[in-house]
Amino acid sequence: MVLPVLALVVLASALPVALAQSSDAYAIYSGLIEKSPVVRTGPGNVPTDDEVYLIESTTSTGRTSFGASAGRFTELPPTCVQVPASDTTAFSEILADYDARKNNSVTLARQFTFAKSYQLLPTKEIEQFLKDALDATPQVLPAGFSPPVNRNPLYAKSKRVFRLGDVYFNANRSYALVYFSVFTTTLDGSGGWRSFRKSANGQWEENRSWSTCAWGSGR
């Protein structure tokens, strides 16, 4: 009896990683990042696209948030999502998936599907990038002083970082919810839960029939 029990334990511990590394999850992640609005920076508030996407290398949970409002909706209370009556079963299944895996932070793999270059960075490097960006953009600058120079080597290529939660699915993997956030400094960012539905041709599309909670923070 020992071996079957051990096998079940190993299978259960591997399940969150397997789901996080699924092709469905990376298709959703890639679409969110690729379609995220570019940042406006510098004189004239000029739109600046990233040369390289910077992505935190582990999925965020309610216990790993940072920033002024980063954790506001990282948890998924049922009231955060409103769904049509016809989709209540799918949402209940997603909540069950979330409850089973919500405290598991997993390491992301290089399985994103966009063409642009990207880097998966540990949390310490993400935090340093955002701190350097904050220090280089003071809200009040004394007369005659020039803005500080951001010397972070990644700043020349990127003006933002992406933090991704795990993707949670209903039983037949036709609906999904994911927490997605974007930061430009430790105090400036936005995020929230995003809903997706798999189309008849197998593509994941944003599901606008479900309303989800979101937040934004800025100085």
Protein backbone atom coordinates (compact mmCIF):
# COMPACT_ATOMS: atom_id res chain seq x y z
CA MET A 1 0.00 0.00 0.00
CA VAL A 2 2.95 2.33 0.50
CA LEU A 3 3.93 2.71 -3.12
CA PRO A 4 0.45 3.78 -4.42
CA VAL A 5 0.19 6.37 -1.63
CA LEU A 6 3.61 7.78 -2.47
CA ALA A 7 2.69 7.89 -6.14
CA LEU A 8 -0.43 9.89 -5.35
CA VAL A 9 1.59 12.34 -3.24
CA VAL A 10 4.11 12.86 -6.05
CA LEU A 11 1.30 13.33 -8.59
CA ALA A 12 -0.48 15.87 -6.38
CA SER A 13 2.70 17.88 -5.81
CA ALA A 14 3.44 17.96 -9.55
CA LEU A 15 -0.06 19.05 -10.58
CA PRO A 16 0.31 22.85 -10.01
CA VAL A 17 3.55 22.91 -12.01
CA ALA A 18 2.02 20.91 -14.86
CA LEU A 19 -0.96 23.27 -15.10
CA ALA A 20 1.19 26.40 -14.91
CA GLN A 21 3.41 25.10 -17.70
CA SER A 22 0.53 24.16 -20.04
CA SER A 23 0.35 25.53 -23.58
CA ASP A 24 -3.05 27.04 -22.72
CA ALA A 25 -1.53 29.07 -19.89
CA TYR A 26 1.31 30.40 -22.07
CA ALA A 27 -1.06 31.31 -24.89
CA ILE A 28 -3.05 33.40 -22.42
CA TYR A 29 0.06 34.96 -20.87
CA SER A 30 1.52 35.83 -24.27
CA GLY A 31 -1.65 37.51 -25.48
CA LEU A 32 -1.92 39.61 -22.33
CA ILE A 33 1.67 40.82 -22.54
CA GLU A 34 1.68 41.41 -26.28
CA LYS A 35 -1.54 43.47 -26.15
CA SER A 36 -0.65 45.45 -23.03
CA PRO A 37 -0.61 49.24 -23.79
CA VAL A 38 2.86 50.73 -24.17
CA VAL A 39 4.25 53.16 -21.59
CA ARG A 40 4.44 56.92 -22.14
CA THR A 41 7.71 58.39 -20.90
CA GLY A 42 10.10 61.31 -21.30
CA PRO A 43 9.53 64.84 -22.62
CA GLY A 44 6.23 65.07 -24.46
CA ASN A 45 4.93 61.87 -22.87
CA VAL A 46 5.99 59.87 -25.93
CA PRO A 47 4.79 56.24 -26.22
CA THR A 48 7.72 53.90 -25.60
CA ASP A 49 7.45 50.23 -26.51
CA ASP A 50 9.70 47.63 -24.90
CA GLU A 51 12.64 46.25 -26.82
CA VAL A 52 12.64 43.32 -24.38
CA TYR A 53 9.75 42.18 -22.20
CA LEU A 54 10.71 41.82 -18.53
CA ILE A 55 8.68 39.14 -16.76
CA GLU A 56 8.93 38.01 -13.15
CA SER A 57 10.11 34.41 -13.26
CA THR A 58 7.68 33.04 -10.67
CA THR A 59 3.91 33.36 -10.54
CA SER A 60 2.55 35.76 -7.93
CA THR A 61 0.16 34.77 -5.17
CA GLY A 62 -1.56 36.72 -2.41
CA ARG A 63 1.53 36.12 -0.30
CA THR A 64 4.10 37.44 -2.78
CA SER A 65 2.72 40.84 -3.76
CA PHE A 66 4.57 44.13 -3.55
CA GLY A 67 3.90 47.75 -4.43
CA ALA A 68 1.30 50.13 -3.04
CA SER A 69 -1.72 48.31 -4.48
CA ALA A 70 -0.15 45.13 -5.79
CA GLY A 71 -2.10 42.78 -3.56
CA ARG A 72 -5.45 44.49 -3.67
CA PHE A 73 -7.09 41.87 -5.85
CA THR A 74 -4.43 39.17 -6.01
CA GLU A 75 -6.80 37.09 -3.91
CA LEU A 76 -9.89 35.91 -5.80
CA PRO A 77 -13.03 36.42 -3.72
CA PRO A 78 -16.20 35.26 -5.53
CA THR A 79 -17.49 38.86 -5.53
CA CYS A 80 -14.54 39.90 -7.72
CA VAL A 81 -16.08 38.20 -10.76
CA GLN A 82 -19.63 38.53 -12.09
CA VAL A 83 -20.74 35.96 -14.66
CA PRO A 84 -23.92 35.28 -16.67
CA ALA A 85 -26.24 32.68 -15.17
CA SER A 86 -25.34 30.27 -17.96
CA ASP A 87 -21.68 30.31 -16.87
CA THR A 88 -22.09 29.73 -13.13
CA THR A 89 -20.97 26.10 -13.37
CA ALA A 90 -17.79 27.04 -15.24
CA PHE A 91 -17.03 29.75 -12.67
CA SER A 92 -17.61 27.35 -9.76
CA GLU A 93 -15.14 24.93 -11.33
CA ILE A 94 -12.58 27.71 -11.74
CA LEU A 95 -13.00 28.67 -8.07
CA ALA A 96 -12.40 25.04 -7.11
CA ASP A 97 -9.20 25.01 -9.19
CA TYR A 98 -8.14 28.29 -7.60
CA ASP A 99 -8.80 27.04 -4.05
CA ALA A 100 -6.69 23.96 -4.74
CA ARG A 101 -3.67 25.84 -6.12
CA LYS A 102 -3.87 29.48 -4.96
CA ASN A 103 -0.90 29.31 -2.57
CA ASN A 104 1.47 27.61 -5.03
CA SER A 105 3.96 29.90 -6.74
CA VAL A 106 5.61 28.15 -9.68
CA THR A 107 8.59 28.94 -11.88
CA LEU A 108 7.72 30.04 -15.40
CA ALA A 109 9.38 28.41 -18.42
CA ARG A 110 10.48 29.89 -21.73
CA GLN A 111 7.27 28.85 -23.48
CA PHE A 112 5.84 32.27 -24.36
CA THR A 113 4.64 32.52 -27.94
CA PHE A 114 5.30 36.14 -28.94
CA ALA A 115 8.15 36.96 -31.29
CA LYS A 116 9.74 39.70 -29.15
CA SER A 117 12.71 38.96 -26.91
CA TYR A 118 11.99 38.57 -23.20
CA GLN A 119 13.77 37.92 -19.92
CA LEU A 120 12.47 35.98 -16.93
CA LEU A 121 13.85 37.74 -13.87
CA PRO A 122 13.86 36.74 -10.18
CA THR A 123 11.81 38.87 -7.82
CA LYS A 124 14.88 40.65 -6.37
CA GLU A 125 15.88 41.91 -9.82
CA ILE A 126 12.30 42.97 -10.58
CA GLU A 127 12.16 44.91 -7.31
CA GLN A 128 15.52 46.57 -8.02
CA PHE A 129 14.40 47.58 -11.52
CA LEU A 130 11.24 49.19 -10.14
CA LYS A 131 13.10 50.90 -7.28
CA ASP A 132 15.63 52.36 -9.73
CA ALA A 133 12.77 53.62 -11.90
CA LEU A 134 11.12 55.23 -8.87
CA ASP A 135 14.36 56.92 -7.74
CA ALA A 136 14.92 58.30 -11.26
CA THR A 137 11.46 59.87 -11.52
CA PRO A 138 10.97 62.20 -8.53
CA GLN A 139 7.65 64.03 -8.52
CA VAL A 140 9.25 67.27 -7.29
CA LEU A 141 12.57 68.48 -8.69
CA PRO A 142 14.31 71.55 -7.20
CA ALA A 143 14.85 74.46 -9.58
CA GLY A 144 18.04 74.07 -11.59
CA PHE A 145 18.37 70.34 -10.94
CA SER A 146 18.25 67.76 -13.74
CA PRO A 147 16.28 64.54 -13.29
CA PRO A 148 18.37 61.66 -11.91
CA VAL A 149 19.73 59.20 -14.44
CA ASN A 150 18.40 55.67 -14.26
CA ARG A 151 21.52 53.54 -14.44
CA ASN A 152 19.78 50.19 -14.36
CA PRO A 153 21.15 48.38 -17.45
CA LEU A 154 17.70 47.00 -18.31
CA TYR A 155 16.03 50.41 -18.38
CA ALA A 156 17.40 51.26 -21.82
CA LYS A 157 15.47 48.29 -23.21
CA SER A 158 12.31 48.25 -21.08
CA LYS A 159 10.17 50.68 -19.12
CA ARG A 160 7.89 48.16 -17.36
CA VAL A 161 7.73 44.71 -15.84
CA PHE A 162 5.00 42.06 -15.91
CA ARG A 163 3.87 39.98 -12.94
CA LEU A 164 1.70 36.96 -13.73
CA GLY A 165 -0.49 34.85 -11.53
CA ASP A 166 -1.24 31.22 -12.28
CA VAL A 167 -4.05 30.48 -14.76
CA TYR A 168 -7.12 28.76 -13.35
CA PHE A 169 -9.44 26.67 -15.53
CA ASN A 170 -12.86 25.09 -15.50
CA ALA A 171 -13.12 21.31 -15.83
CA ASN A 172 -13.01 21.09 -19.65
CA ARG A 173 -10.53 24.00 -19.97
CA SER A 174 -12.85 26.18 -22.03
CA TYR A 175 -12.81 29.12 -19.55
CA ALA A 176 -9.93 30.62 -17.60
CA LEU A 177 -9.12 33.34 -15.09
CA VAL A 178 -5.68 34.84 -14.49
CA TYR A 179 -4.24 37.64 -12.37
CA PHE A 180 -2.15 40.02 -14.51
CA SER A 181 -0.28 43.16 -13.43
CA VAL A 182 2.11 45.69 -14.97
CA PHE A 183 4.48 47.99 -13.06
CA THR A 184 6.67 50.92 -14.11
CA THR A 185 7.91 51.73 -10.56
CA THR A 186 7.23 50.23 -7.14
CA LEU A 187 4.37 52.75 -6.78
CA ASP A 188 3.05 52.97 -10.34
CA GLY A 189 1.16 50.12 -11.90
CA SER A 190 -2.11 48.42 -12.66
CA GLY A 191 -3.54 44.95 -12.51
CA GLY A 192 -6.50 42.73 -11.88
CA TRP A 193 -8.22 39.53 -12.87
CA ARG A 194 -8.78 38.80 -16.55
CA SER A 195 -11.26 36.33 -18.01
CA PHE A 196 -10.71 34.20 -21.13
CA ARG A 197 -12.75 31.79 -23.20
CA LYS A 198 -11.54 29.29 -25.80
CA SER A 199 -13.13 29.93 -29.20
CA ALA A 200 -14.42 27.30 -31.61
CA ASN A 201 -11.08 27.37 -33.47
CA GLY A 202 -9.15 26.66 -30.26
CA GLN A 203 -7.84 30.20 -29.70
CA TRP A 204 -8.03 31.90 -26.31
CA GLU A 205 -9.94 35.19 -26.46
CA GLU A 206 -10.72 37.71 -23.74
CA ASN A 207 -14.16 36.94 -22.34
CA ARG A 208 -15.93 40.28 -21.98
CA SER A 209 -19.20 38.71 -20.84
CA TRP A 210 -17.60 38.23 -17.40
CA SER A 211 -16.85 41.37 -15.36
CA THR A 212 -13.72 41.26 -13.19
CA CYS A 213 -12.11 43.56 -10.61
CA ALA A 214 -9.06 45.68 -11.36
CA TRP A 215 -6.89 48.36 -9.75
CA GLY A 216 -4.53 51.16 -10.75
CA SER A 217 -1.91 53.00 -8.69
CA GLY A 218 0.06 56.13 -9.54
CA ARG A 219 1.81 59.02 -7.84
